């Protein structure tokens, strides 16, 4: 065969508008509106980073003033008395209470929220799904103080039956032993926080489940899968990253909740082995209850505890991002 007669298949030339668009994209936005939008978007991102850095610097500076004068161990002391000479305060009780109450809330809220989201999107008839979703949206709009008042006036007086049952059958574990005192404990706080974060997790999970490609579900049904098998094999893998994100949003609110916890909890600076006995405290509750009567040094100490809560929140969000990044191939992001 004569090589000179061979031809190569060259790609068809791009139309002139496509070439112009490609050149414009390569050298950046040229239209005034594009430039304005690019500047606003970039400026918003930079402004957010500046605000976060300013908050971190402020908290770190004021915390350093307080910690430098603390005669206790800031991380392990079981005392908070900034009016002593010398002052002694620590965050051990606050860190323990914040983490424990948030874990209790997540253990209760996440399974219930995911189940409600699945019910609304895949099981409930349309006439029922709409009102249920509307009620969940209303719960998200209820102020924290209203939840706190409801918890103090309704939830706490009606927890004695549950506490008695837990003490009777699970008291041997020590985690659910009860001395018969008022139900202003970490378990009550965890239940109240679970109710508060339930709408956030439910709403985000519901929207994620609605984005599942219809072809995935139809393919599973065509292979003979039951409704639950469709949910397990097609819906949950697609929405796993979204559920994790929703859970982290709920966890962020549980970690920083203030008025509801301050209204329900009977704070003491000790760590209770049982979730049913009064005691403990959280960062946000301690700041809210002590800030108005604190001296200037006492405010610096409270700001130091706020810095720890700030760091915990950043770590939680970083961990969530890492989990989502590792599991992105199972999500619907690339579908």
C-alpha atoms as a PDB file:
ATOM      1  CA  UNK A   1       0.000   0.000   0.000  1.00  0.00           C
ATOM      2  CA  UNK A   2       1.287   3.447  -0.907  1.00  0.00           C
ATOM      3  CA  UNK A   3       1.922   5.362   2.277  1.00  0.00           C
ATOM      4  CA  UNK A   4       1.457   8.641   0.479  1.00  0.00           C
ATOM      5  CA  UNK A   5      -2.150   7.732  -0.221  1.00  0.00           C
ATOM      6  CA  UNK A   6      -2.948   7.051   3.451  1.00  0.00           C
ATOM      7  CA  UNK A   7      -5.005   9.673   5.246  1.00  0.00           C
ATOM      8  CA  UNK A   8      -5.568  10.222   8.921  1.00  0.00           C
ATOM      9  CA  UNK A   9      -8.912  10.964  10.435  1.00  0.00           C
ATOM     10  CA  UNK A  10      -8.595  14.489  11.794  1.00  0.00           C
ATOM     11  CA  UNK A  11     -11.182  15.788  14.244  1.00  0.00           C
ATOM     12  CA  UNK A  12     -13.754  18.083  12.680  1.00  0.00           C
ATOM     13  CA  UNK A  13     -13.003  21.748  13.167  1.00  0.00           C
ATOM     14  CA  UNK A  14     -14.875  23.518  15.918  1.00  0.00           C
ATOM     15  CA  UNK A  15     -17.473  26.068  14.878  1.00  0.00           C
ATOM     16  CA  UNK A  16     -16.373  29.670  15.235  1.00  0.00           C
ATOM     17  CA  UNK A  17     -18.577  30.427  18.321  1.00  0.00           C
ATOM     18  CA  UNK A  18     -17.148  27.377  20.107  1.00  0.00           C
ATOM     19  CA  UNK A  19     -13.594  28.478  19.290  1.00  0.00           C
ATOM     20  CA  UNK A  20     -14.297  31.950  20.636  1.00  0.00           C
ATOM     21  CA  UNK A  21     -15.831  30.506  23.797  1.00  0.00           C
ATOM     22  CA  UNK A  22     -12.832  28.228  24.280  1.00  0.00           C
ATOM     23  CA  UNK A  23     -10.406  31.134  23.932  1.00  0.00           C
ATOM     24  CA  UNK A  24     -12.452  33.285  26.279  1.00  0.00           C
ATOM     25  CA  UNK A  25     -12.510  30.519  28.901  1.00  0.00           C
ATOM     26  CA  UNK A  26      -8.773  29.996  28.560  1.00  0.00           C
ATOM     27  CA  UNK A  27      -7.878  33.613  29.234  1.00  0.00           C
ATOM     28  CA  UNK A  28     -10.533  34.157  31.908  1.00  0.00           C
ATOM     29  CA  UNK A  29     -13.777  36.080  32.167  1.00  0.00           C
ATOM     30  CA  UNK A  30     -13.962  39.038  29.785  1.00  0.00           C
ATOM     31  CA  UNK A  31     -17.521  40.275  30.146  1.00  0.00           C
ATOM     32  CA  UNK A  32     -18.101  42.903  32.857  1.00  0.00           C
ATOM     33  CA  UNK A  33     -20.757  40.793  34.563  1.00  0.00           C
ATOM     34  CA  UNK A  34     -18.446  37.778  34.671  1.00  0.00           C
ATOM     35  CA  UNK A  35     -15.651  39.857  36.149  1.00  0.00           C
ATOM     36  CA  UNK A  36     -17.946  41.330  38.791  1.00  0.00           C
ATOM     37  CA  UNK A  37     -19.304  37.922  39.728  1.00  0.00           C
ATOM     38  CA  UNK A  38     -15.804  36.429  39.839  1.00  0.00           C
ATOM     39  CA  UNK A  39     -14.619  39.254  42.093  1.00  0.00           C
ATOM     40  CA  UNK A  40     -17.603  38.940  44.433  1.00  0.00           C
ATOM     41  CA  UNK A  41     -17.229  35.166  44.695  1.00  0.00           C
ATOM     42  CA  UNK A  42     -13.513  35.355  45.325  1.00  0.00           C
ATOM     43  CA  UNK A  43     -13.947  38.198  47.788  1.00  0.00           C
ATOM     44  CA  UNK A  44     -16.635  36.293  49.700  1.00  0.00           C
ATOM     45  CA  UNK A  45     -14.352  33.283  50.080  1.00  0.00           C
ATOM     46  CA  UNK A  46     -11.437  35.437  51.219  1.00  0.00           C
ATOM     47  CA  UNK A  47     -13.698  37.361  53.623  1.00  0.00           C
ATOM     48  CA  UNK A  48     -14.891  34.119  55.197  1.00  0.00           C
ATOM     49  CA  UNK A  49     -11.301  32.975  55.756  1.00  0.00           C
ATOM     50  CA  UNK A  50     -10.410  36.364  57.248  1.00  0.00           C
ATOM     51  CA  UNK A  51     -13.368  36.221  59.637  1.00  0.00           C
ATOM     52  CA  UNK A  52     -12.461  32.697  60.744  1.00  0.00           C
ATOM     53  CA  UNK A  53      -8.846  33.722  61.272  1.00  0.00           C
ATOM     54  CA  UNK A  54      -9.919  36.815  63.228  1.00  0.00           C
ATOM     55  CA  UNK A  55     -12.138  34.719  65.493  1.00  0.00           C
ATOM     56  CA  UNK A  56      -9.324  32.232  66.087  1.00  0.00           C
ATOM     57  CA  UNK A  57      -6.817  34.993  66.882  1.00  0.00           C
ATOM     58  CA  UNK A  58      -9.219  36.739  69.254  1.00  0.00           C
ATOM     59  CA  UNK A  59     -10.055  33.525  71.102  1.00  0.00           C
ATOM     60  CA  UNK A  60      -6.424  32.470  71.307  1.00  0.00           C
ATOM     61  CA  UNK A  61      -5.273  35.861  72.604  1.00  0.00           C
ATOM     62  CA  UNK A  62      -7.920  36.142  75.314  1.00  0.00           C
ATOM     63  CA  UNK A  63      -7.481  32.482  76.251  1.00  0.00           C
ATOM     64  CA  UNK A  64      -3.732  32.944  76.657  1.00  0.00           C
ATOM     65  CA  UNK A  65      -4.346  35.803  79.124  1.00  0.00           C
ATOM     66  CA  UNK A  66      -6.528  33.563  81.268  1.00  0.00           C
ATOM     67  CA  UNK A  67      -4.494  30.342  81.072  1.00  0.00           C
ATOM     68  CA  UNK A  68      -1.281  32.162  81.986  1.00  0.00           C
ATOM     69  CA  UNK A  69      -2.784  33.005  85.401  1.00  0.00           C
ATOM     70  CA  UNK A  70      -4.539  29.684  86.002  1.00  0.00           C
ATOM     71  CA  UNK A  71      -3.101  27.791  88.983  1.00  0.00           C
ATOM     72  CA  UNK A  72      -4.906  24.604  88.049  1.00  0.00           C
ATOM     73  CA  UNK A  73      -4.512  22.343  85.048  1.00  0.00           C
ATOM     74  CA  UNK A  74      -6.689  23.847  82.347  1.00  0.00           C
ATOM     75  CA  UNK A  75      -7.274  20.477  80.699  1.00  0.00           C
ATOM     76  CA  UNK A  76      -7.798  18.240  83.743  1.00  0.00           C
ATOM     77  CA  UNK A  77      -8.981  20.391  86.690  1.00  0.00           C
ATOM     78  CA  UNK A  78     -12.440  19.536  88.088  1.00  0.00           C
ATOM     79  CA  UNK A  79     -13.088  23.063  89.324  1.00  0.00           C
ATOM     80  CA  UNK A  80     -14.210  26.409  87.935  1.00  0.00           C
ATOM     81  CA  UNK A  81     -13.548  29.284  90.304  1.00  0.00           C
ATOM     82  CA  UNK A  82     -12.060  32.331  88.654  1.00  0.00           C
ATOM     83  CA  UNK A  83     -12.674  34.527  91.717  1.00  0.00           C
ATOM     84  CA  UNK A  84     -10.164  32.699  93.884  1.00  0.00           C
ATOM     85  CA  UNK A  85      -6.742  34.172  94.516  1.00  0.00           C
ATOM     86  CA  UNK A  86      -5.072  32.547  92.684  1.00  0.00           C
ATOM     87  CA  UNK A  87      -7.807  31.438  90.250  1.00  0.00           C
ATOM     88  CA  UNK A  88      -8.340  27.753  89.486  1.00  0.00           C
ATOM     89  CA  UNK A  89     -10.361  26.452  86.572  1.00  0.00           C
ATOM     90  CA  UNK A  90     -10.364  23.570  84.100  1.00  0.00           C
ATOM     91  CA  UNK A  91     -12.443  22.134  81.270  1.00  0.00           C
ATOM     92  CA  UNK A  92     -12.396  18.410  82.051  1.00  0.00           C
ATOM     93  CA  UNK A  93     -16.023  18.315  83.223  1.00  0.00           C
ATOM     94  CA  UNK A  94     -17.206  20.586  80.429  1.00  0.00           C
ATOM     95  CA  UNK A  95     -15.480  18.576  77.709  1.00  0.00           C
ATOM     96  CA  UNK A  96     -16.842  15.318  79.101  1.00  0.00           C
ATOM     97  CA  UNK A  97     -20.396  16.646  79.351  1.00  0.00           C
ATOM     98  CA  UNK A  98     -20.355  18.221  75.906  1.00  0.00           C
ATOM     99  CA  UNK A  99     -19.088  15.074  74.221  1.00  0.00           C
ATOM    100  CA  UNK A 100     -21.321  12.658  76.149  1.00  0.00           C
ATOM    101  CA  UNK A 101     -24.531  14.646  75.626  1.00  0.00           C
ATOM    102  CA  UNK A 102     -23.746  15.043  71.914  1.00  0.00           C
ATOM    103  CA  UNK A 103     -23.048  11.312  71.511  1.00  0.00           C
ATOM    104  CA  UNK A 104     -26.329  10.440  73.229  1.00  0.00           C
ATOM    105  CA  UNK A 105     -28.156  12.865  70.953  1.00  0.00           C
ATOM    106  CA  UNK A 106     -26.547  11.445  67.821  1.00  0.00           C
ATOM    107  CA  UNK A 107     -27.215   7.826  68.805  1.00  0.00           C
ATOM    108  CA  UNK A 108     -30.892   8.648  69.210  1.00  0.00           C
ATOM    109  CA  UNK A 109     -31.412  11.169  66.414  1.00  0.00           C
ATOM    110  CA  UNK A 110     -29.509   9.765  63.416  1.00  0.00           C
ATOM    111  CA  UNK A 111     -31.336   6.405  63.041  1.00  0.00           C
ATOM    112  CA  UNK A 112     -34.722   8.046  63.640  1.00  0.00           C
ATOM    113  CA  UNK A 113     -33.993  10.885  61.204  1.00  0.00           C
ATOM    114  CA  UNK A 114     -32.808   8.533  58.449  1.00  0.00           C
ATOM    115  CA  UNK A 115     -35.857   6.324  58.975  1.00  0.00           C
ATOM    116  CA  UNK A 116     -38.200   9.339  58.738  1.00  0.00           C
ATOM    117  CA  UNK A 117     -36.444  10.557  55.582  1.00  0.00           C
ATOM    118  CA  UNK A 118     -36.770   7.125  53.977  1.00  0.00           C
ATOM    119  CA  UNK A 119     -40.427   6.931  54.984  1.00  0.00           C
ATOM    120  CA  UNK A 120     -41.185  10.325  53.447  1.00  0.00           C
ATOM    121  CA  UNK A 121     -39.340   9.649  50.183  1.00  0.00           C
ATOM    122  CA  UNK A 122     -39.959   5.930  49.542  1.00  0.00           C
ATOM    123  CA  UNK A 123     -42.807   4.569  51.655  1.00  0.00           C
ATOM    124  CA  UNK A 124     -45.409   7.197  52.552  1.00  0.00           C
ATOM    125  CA  UNK A 125     -48.151   8.064  50.059  1.00  0.00           C
ATOM    126  CA  UNK A 126     -47.901  11.583  48.686  1.00  0.00           C
ATOM    127  CA  UNK A 127     -50.898  12.819  50.690  1.00  0.00           C
ATOM    128  CA  UNK A 128     -49.167  11.772  53.905  1.00  0.00           C
ATOM    129  CA  UNK A 129     -45.570  12.596  52.973  1.00  0.00           C
ATOM    130  CA  UNK A 130     -46.324  16.283  52.453  1.00  0.00           C
ATOM    131  CA  UNK A 131     -47.826  16.957  55.908  1.00  0.00           C
ATOM    132  CA  UNK A 132     -45.124  14.919  57.664  1.00  0.00           C
ATOM    133  CA  UNK A 133     -42.375  16.857  55.879  1.00  0.00           C
ATOM    134  CA  UNK A 134     -44.130  20.117  56.756  1.00  0.00           C
ATOM    135  CA  UNK A 135     -44.233  19.221  60.456  1.00  0.00           C
ATOM    136  CA  UNK A 136     -40.518  18.348  60.391  1.00  0.00           C
ATOM    137  CA  UNK A 137     -39.787  21.733  58.786  1.00  0.00           C
ATOM    138  CA  UNK A 138     -41.758  23.459  61.539  1.00  0.00           C
ATOM    139  CA  UNK A 139     -39.732  21.698  64.235  1.00  0.00           C
ATOM    140  CA  UNK A 140     -36.554  23.155  62.719  1.00  0.00           C
ATOM    141  CA  UNK A 141     -37.954  26.676  63.200  1.00  0.00           C
ATOM    142  CA  UNK A 142     -38.740  26.329  66.923  1.00  0.00           C
ATOM    143  CA  UNK A 143     -36.401  28.552  69.033  1.00  0.00           C
ATOM    144  CA  UNK A 144     -33.996  26.893  71.439  1.00  0.00           C
ATOM    145  CA  UNK A 145     -35.508  28.517  74.505  1.00  0.00           C
ATOM    146  CA  UNK A 146     -38.898  27.001  73.644  1.00  0.00           C
ATOM    147  CA  UNK A 147     -37.312  23.559  73.538  1.00  0.00           C
ATOM    148  CA  UNK A 148     -35.641  24.334  76.866  1.00  0.00           C
ATOM    149  CA  UNK A 149     -38.897  25.374  78.538  1.00  0.00           C
ATOM    150  CA  UNK A 150     -40.668  22.315  77.154  1.00  0.00           C
ATOM    151  CA  UNK A 151     -37.860  20.116  78.410  1.00  0.00           C
ATOM    152  CA  UNK A 152     -37.909  21.636  81.905  1.00  0.00           C
ATOM    153  CA  UNK A 153     -41.701  21.660  82.308  1.00  0.00           C
ATOM    154  CA  UNK A 154     -42.759  18.545  80.388  1.00  0.00           C
ATOM    155  CA  UNK A 155     -39.816  16.263  79.632  1.00  0.00           C
ATOM    156  CA  UNK A 156     -38.034  16.289  83.008  1.00  0.00           C
ATOM    157  CA  UNK A 157     -41.131  15.469  85.150  1.00  0.00           C
ATOM    158  CA  UNK A 158     -42.029  12.547  82.871  1.00  0.00           C
ATOM    159  CA  UNK A 159     -38.585  10.930  82.729  1.00  0.00           C
ATOM    160  CA  UNK A 160     -38.809   9.197  86.122  1.00  0.00           C
ATOM    161  CA  UNK A 161     -40.615   6.202  84.649  1.00  0.00           C
ATOM    162  CA  UNK A 162     -37.953   5.660  82.002  1.00  0.00           C
ATOM    163  CA  UNK A 163     -35.172   6.200  84.531  1.00  0.00           C
ATOM    164  CA  UNK A 164     -36.726   3.688  86.906  1.00  0.00           C
ATOM    165  CA  UNK A 165     -37.011   1.098  84.140  1.00  0.00           C
ATOM    166  CA  UNK A 166     -33.403   1.634  83.063  1.00  0.00           C
ATOM    167  CA  UNK A 167     -32.204   1.395  86.656  1.00  0.00           C
ATOM    168  CA  UNK A 168     -34.182  -1.805  87.241  1.00  0.00           C
ATOM    169  CA  UNK A 169     -32.917  -3.686  84.204  1.00  0.00           C
ATOM    170  CA  UNK A 170     -29.641  -1.959  83.272  1.00  0.00           C
ATOM    171  CA  UNK A 171     -28.533  -0.407  86.530  1.00  0.00           C
ATOM    172  CA  UNK A 172     -25.969  -3.160  87.019  1.00  0.00           C
ATOM    173  CA  UNK A 173     -23.906  -1.592  84.224  1.00  0.00           C
ATOM    174  CA  UNK A 174     -23.340   1.555  86.267  1.00  0.00           C
ATOM    175  CA  UNK A 175     -24.115   3.629  83.204  1.00  0.00           C
ATOM    176  CA  UNK A 176     -27.857   3.568  83.921  1.00  0.00           C
ATOM    177  CA  UNK A 177     -27.935   3.436  87.716  1.00  0.00           C
ATOM    178  CA  UNK A 178     -30.247   5.998  89.316  1.00  0.00           C
ATOM    179  CA  UNK A 179     -30.342   7.324  92.855  1.00  0.00           C
ATOM    180  CA  UNK A 180     -33.920   8.626  92.558  1.00  0.00           C
ATOM    181  CA  UNK A 181     -33.005  12.300  92.157  1.00  0.00           C
ATOM    182  CA  UNK A 182     -34.469  14.753  89.644  1.00  0.00           C
ATOM    183  CA  UNK A 183     -34.124  13.784  86.003  1.00  0.00           C
ATOM    184  CA  UNK A 184     -31.912  16.772  85.131  1.00  0.00           C
ATOM    185  CA  UNK A 185     -29.120  14.611  83.837  1.00  0.00           C
ATOM    186  CA  UNK A 186     -27.024  13.989  80.752  1.00  0.00           C
ATOM    187  CA  UNK A 187     -29.501  11.465  79.350  1.00  0.00           C
ATOM    188  CA  UNK A 188     -32.318  14.012  79.538  1.00  0.00           C
ATOM    189  CA  UNK A 189     -30.102  16.599  77.860  1.00  0.00           C
ATOM    190  CA  UNK A 190     -29.169  14.072  75.171  1.00  0.00           C
ATOM    191  CA  UNK A 191     -32.838  13.262  74.477  1.00  0.00           C
ATOM    192  CA  UNK A 192     -33.693  16.966  74.250  1.00  0.00           C
ATOM    193  CA  UNK A 193     -30.759  17.610  71.908  1.00  0.00           C
ATOM    194  CA  UNK A 194     -31.818  14.643  69.782  1.00  0.00           C
ATOM    195  CA  UNK A 195     -35.264  16.205  69.333  1.00  0.00           C
ATOM    196  CA  UNK A 196     -33.647  19.520  68.410  1.00  0.00           C
ATOM    197  CA  UNK A 197     -31.265  18.142  65.779  1.00  0.00           C
ATOM    198  CA  UNK A 198     -33.769  15.656  64.334  1.00  0.00           C
ATOM    199  CA  UNK A 199     -35.282  18.137  61.823  1.00  0.00           C
ATOM    200  CA  UNK A 200     -31.856  19.162  60.450  1.00  0.00           C
ATOM    201  CA  UNK A 201     -30.713  15.611  59.804  1.00  0.00           C
ATOM    202  CA  UNK A 202     -34.111  14.572  58.450  1.00  0.00           C
ATOM    203  CA  UNK A 203     -34.442  17.455  55.997  1.00  0.00           C
ATOM    204  CA  UNK A 204     -30.952  17.105  54.530  1.00  0.00           C
ATOM    205  CA  UNK A 205     -31.226  13.305  54.310  1.00  0.00           C
ATOM    206  CA  UNK A 206     -34.630  13.602  52.663  1.00  0.00           C
ATOM    207  CA  UNK A 207     -33.286  15.880  49.933  1.00  0.00           C
ATOM    208  CA  UNK A 208     -30.337  13.543  49.354  1.00  0.00           C
ATOM    209  CA  UNK A 209     -32.576  10.484  49.023  1.00  0.00           C
ATOM    210  CA  UNK A 210     -34.724  12.346  46.518  1.00  0.00           C
ATOM    211  CA  UNK A 211     -31.686  12.713  44.249  1.00  0.00           C
ATOM    212  CA  UNK A 212     -31.218   8.968  43.820  1.00  0.00           C
ATOM    213  CA  UNK A 213     -31.352   8.219  40.055  1.00  0.00           C
ATOM    214  CA  UNK A 214     -34.660   6.623  39.192  1.00  0.00           C
ATOM    215  CA  UNK A 215     -32.866   4.178  36.889  1.00  0.00           C
ATOM    216  CA  UNK A 216     -30.978   2.695  39.865  1.00  0.00           C
ATOM    217  CA  UNK A 217     -34.192   1.917  41.695  1.00  0.00           C
ATOM    218  CA  UNK A 218     -35.948   0.619  38.591  1.00  0.00           C
ATOM    219  CA  UNK A 219     -32.999  -1.636  37.791  1.00  0.00           C
ATOM    220  CA  UNK A 220     -33.091  -3.125  41.288  1.00  0.00           C
ATOM    221  CA  UNK A 221     -36.850  -3.674  41.052  1.00  0.00           C
ATOM    222  CA  UNK A 222     -36.439  -5.281  37.632  1.00  0.00           C
ATOM    223  CA  UNK A 223     -34.005  -7.774  39.152  1.00  0.00           C
ATOM    224  CA  UNK A 224     -36.663  -8.789  41.672  1.00  0.00           C
ATOM    225  CA  UNK A 225     -35.508  -6.748  44.676  1.00  0.00           C
ATOM    226  CA  UNK A 226     -37.994  -5.929  47.414  1.00  0.00           C
ATOM    227  CA  UNK A 227     -38.631  -2.376  48.578  1.00  0.00           C
ATOM    228  CA  UNK A 228     -36.161  -2.725  51.456  1.00  0.00           C
ATOM    229  CA  UNK A 229     -33.544  -4.268  49.169  1.00  0.00           C
ATOM    230  CA  UNK A 230     -33.886  -1.298  46.824  1.00  0.00           C
ATOM    231  CA  UNK A 231     -33.324   1.045  49.760  1.00  0.00           C
ATOM    232  CA  UNK A 232     -30.364  -0.979  51.022  1.00  0.00           C
ATOM    233  CA  UNK A 233     -28.637  -1.505  47.662  1.00  0.00           C
ATOM    234  CA  UNK A 234     -29.484   1.691  45.747  1.00  0.00           C
ATOM    235  CA  UNK A 235     -30.690   4.458  48.050  1.00  0.00           C
ATOM    236  CA  UNK A 236     -28.459   4.206  51.118  1.00  0.00           C
ATOM    237  CA  UNK A 237     -25.151   3.802  49.208  1.00  0.00           C
ATOM    238  CA  UNK A 238     -26.023   6.791  47.035  1.00  0.00           C
ATOM    239  CA  UNK A 239     -26.958   8.987  50.003  1.00  0.00           C
ATOM    240  CA  UNK A 240     -24.264   7.864  52.465  1.00  0.00           C
ATOM    241  CA  UNK A 241     -22.141  10.988  52.088  1.00  0.00           C
ATOM    242  CA  UNK A 242     -25.200  13.207  52.373  1.00  0.00           C
ATOM    243  CA  UNK A 243     -26.330  11.460  55.557  1.00  0.00           C
ATOM    244  CA  UNK A 244     -22.846  11.913  57.023  1.00  0.00           C
ATOM    245  CA  UNK A 245     -22.959  15.611  56.174  1.00  0.00           C
ATOM    246  CA  UNK A 246     -26.422  15.950  57.696  1.00  0.00           C
ATOM    247  CA  UNK A 247     -25.246  14.176  60.840  1.00  0.00           C
ATOM    248  CA  UNK A 248     -22.301  16.539  61.170  1.00  0.00           C
ATOM    249  CA  UNK A 249     -24.642  19.526  60.870  1.00  0.00           C
ATOM    250  CA  UNK A 250     -26.747  18.085  63.662  1.00  0.00           C
ATOM    251  CA  UNK A 251     -23.671  17.333  65.740  1.00  0.00           C
ATOM    252  CA  UNK A 252     -22.501  20.918  65.324  1.00  0.00           C
ATOM    253  CA  UNK A 253     -25.762  22.196  66.776  1.00  0.00           C
ATOM    254  CA  UNK A 254     -25.672  19.677  69.606  1.00  0.00           C
ATOM    255  CA  UNK A 255     -22.122  20.689  70.550  1.00  0.00           C
ATOM    256  CA  UNK A 256     -22.967  24.383  70.673  1.00  0.00           C
ATOM    257  CA  UNK A 257     -26.492  24.330  72.090  1.00  0.00           C
ATOM    258  CA  UNK A 258     -26.831  26.754  75.015  1.00  0.00           C
ATOM    259  CA  UNK A 259     -30.220  27.785  76.369  1.00  0.00           C
ATOM    260  CA  UNK A 260     -31.984  24.435  76.137  1.00  0.00           C
ATOM    261  CA  UNK A 261     -29.153  22.689  77.994  1.00  0.00           C
ATOM    262  CA  UNK A 262     -28.914  25.461  80.597  1.00  0.00           C
ATOM    263  CA  UNK A 263     -32.663  25.197  81.244  1.00  0.00           C
ATOM    264  CA  UNK A 264     -32.750  21.419  81.679  1.00  0.00           C
ATOM    265  CA  UNK A 265     -29.404  20.450  83.226  1.00  0.00           C
ATOM    266  CA  UNK A 266     -28.459  20.723  86.917  1.00  0.00           C
ATOM    267  CA  UNK A 267     -24.765  21.568  86.452  1.00  0.00           C
ATOM    268  CA  UNK A 268     -22.085  20.495  88.892  1.00  0.00           C
ATOM    269  CA  UNK A 269     -18.355  20.327  88.422  1.00  0.00           C
ATOM    270  CA  UNK A 270     -18.016  16.590  88.728  1.00  0.00           C
ATOM    271  CA  UNK A 271     -18.229  13.681  86.312  1.00  0.00           C
ATOM    272  CA  UNK A 272     -21.017  11.198  86.934  1.00  0.00           C
ATOM    273  CA  UNK A 273     -20.472   7.634  85.796  1.00  0.00           C
ATOM    274  CA  UNK A 274     -24.231   7.278  85.344  1.00  0.00           C
ATOM    275  CA  UNK A 275     -26.170   9.094  82.665  1.00  0.00           C
ATOM    276  CA  UNK A 276     -29.227   9.270  84.914  1.00  0.00           C
ATOM    277  CA  UNK A 277     -27.901  11.204  87.922  1.00  0.00           C
ATOM    278  CA  UNK A 278     -27.764  15.023  87.869  1.00  0.00           C
ATOM    279  CA  UNK A 279     -24.385  16.591  87.291  1.00  0.00           C
ATOM    280  CA  UNK A 280     -21.873  17.598  84.703  1.00  0.00           C
ATOM    281  CA  UNK A 281     -21.959  20.521  82.333  1.00  0.00           C
ATOM    282  CA  UNK A 282     -21.220  21.641  78.781  1.00  0.00           C
ATOM    283  CA  UNK A 283     -19.109  24.412  77.292  1.00  0.00           C
ATOM    284  CA  UNK A 284     -22.026  26.423  75.948  1.00  0.00           C
ATOM    285  CA  UNK A 285     -24.133  26.011  79.097  1.00  0.00           C
ATOM    286  CA  UNK A 286     -21.242  27.079  81.335  1.00  0.00           C
ATOM    287  CA  UNK A 287     -20.551  30.178  79.231  1.00  0.00           C
ATOM    288  CA  UNK A 288     -24.222  31.203  79.177  1.00  0.00           C
ATOM    289  CA  UNK A 289     -24.735  30.747  82.912  1.00  0.00           C
ATOM    290  CA  UNK A 290     -21.537  32.446  84.101  1.00  0.00           C
ATOM    291  CA  UNK A 291     -20.806  35.169  81.545  1.00  0.00           C
ATOM    292  CA  UNK A 292     -23.133  37.872  82.918  1.00  0.00           C
ATOM    293  CA  UNK A 293     -21.701  37.757  86.446  1.00  0.00           C
ATOM    294  CA  UNK A 294     -18.074  37.051  85.546  1.00  0.00           C
ATOM    295  CA  UNK A 295     -15.255  39.512  86.067  1.00  0.00           C
ATOM    296  CA  UNK A 296     -12.981  40.537  83.214  1.00  0.00           C
ATOM    297  CA  UNK A 297     -10.632  37.691  84.038  1.00  0.00           C
ATOM    298  CA  UNK A 298     -13.573  35.322  84.373  1.00  0.00           C
ATOM    299  CA  UNK A 299     -14.710  36.280  80.864  1.00  0.00           C
ATOM    300  CA  UNK A 300     -11.244  35.502  79.559  1.00  0.00           C
ATOM    301  CA  UNK A 301     -11.488  32.072  81.190  1.00  0.00           C
ATOM    302  CA  UNK A 302     -14.872  31.490  79.566  1.00  0.00           C
ATOM    303  CA  UNK A 303     -13.426  32.579  76.236  1.00  0.00           C
ATOM    304  CA  UNK A 304     -10.658  30.008  76.764  1.00  0.00           C
ATOM    305  CA  UNK A 305     -13.302  27.307  77.109  1.00  0.00           C
ATOM    306  CA  UNK A 306     -14.984  28.692  73.984  1.00  0.00           C
ATOM    307  CA  UNK A 307     -11.693  28.267  72.139  1.00  0.00           C
ATOM    308  CA  UNK A 308     -11.695  24.570  73.029  1.00  0.00           C
ATOM    309  CA  UNK A 309     -15.256  24.232  71.724  1.00  0.00           C
ATOM    310  CA  UNK A 310     -14.175  26.060  68.554  1.00  0.00           C
ATOM    311  CA  UNK A 311     -11.331  23.593  68.044  1.00  0.00           C
ATOM    312  CA  UNK A 312     -13.602  20.590  68.709  1.00  0.00           C
ATOM    313  CA  UNK A 313     -16.072  21.866  66.108  1.00  0.00           C
ATOM    314  CA  UNK A 314     -13.308  22.295  63.535  1.00  0.00           C
ATOM    315  CA  UNK A 315     -12.017  18.793  64.230  1.00  0.00           C
ATOM    316  CA  UNK A 316     -15.494  17.316  63.861  1.00  0.00           C
ATOM    317  CA  UNK A 317     -16.032  19.048  60.516  1.00  0.00           C
ATOM    318  CA  UNK A 318     -12.576  18.016  59.333  1.00  0.00           C
ATOM    319  CA  UNK A 319     -13.263  14.413  60.254  1.00  0.00           C
ATOM    320  CA  UNK A 320     -16.563  14.542  58.393  1.00  0.00           C
ATOM    321  CA  UNK A 321     -14.860  15.905  55.291  1.00  0.00           C
ATOM    322  CA  UNK A 322     -12.262  13.144  55.476  1.00  0.00           C
ATOM    323  CA  UNK A 323     -14.943  10.451  55.778  1.00  0.00           C
ATOM    324  CA  UNK A 324     -16.874  11.846  52.832  1.00  0.00           C
ATOM    325  CA  UNK A 325     -13.721  12.081  50.714  1.00  0.00           C
ATOM    326  CA  UNK A 326     -12.860   8.449  51.416  1.00  0.00           C
ATOM    327  CA  UNK A 327     -16.351   7.280  50.502  1.00  0.00           C
ATOM    328  CA  UNK A 328     -17.049   9.567  47.549  1.00  0.00           C
ATOM    329  CA  UNK A 329     -16.918   6.647  45.126  1.00  0.00           C
ATOM    330  CA  UNK A 330     -19.971   5.175  46.901  1.00  0.00           C
ATOM    331  CA  UNK A 331     -21.945   8.393  46.796  1.00  0.00           C
ATOM    332  CA  UNK A 332     -23.970   9.819  43.959  1.00  0.00           C
ATOM    333  CA  UNK A 333     -21.485  12.600  43.274  1.00  0.00           C
ATOM    334  CA  UNK A 334     -20.080  10.766  40.279  1.00  0.00           C
ATOM    335  CA  UNK A 335     -23.263   9.159  39.099  1.00  0.00           C
END
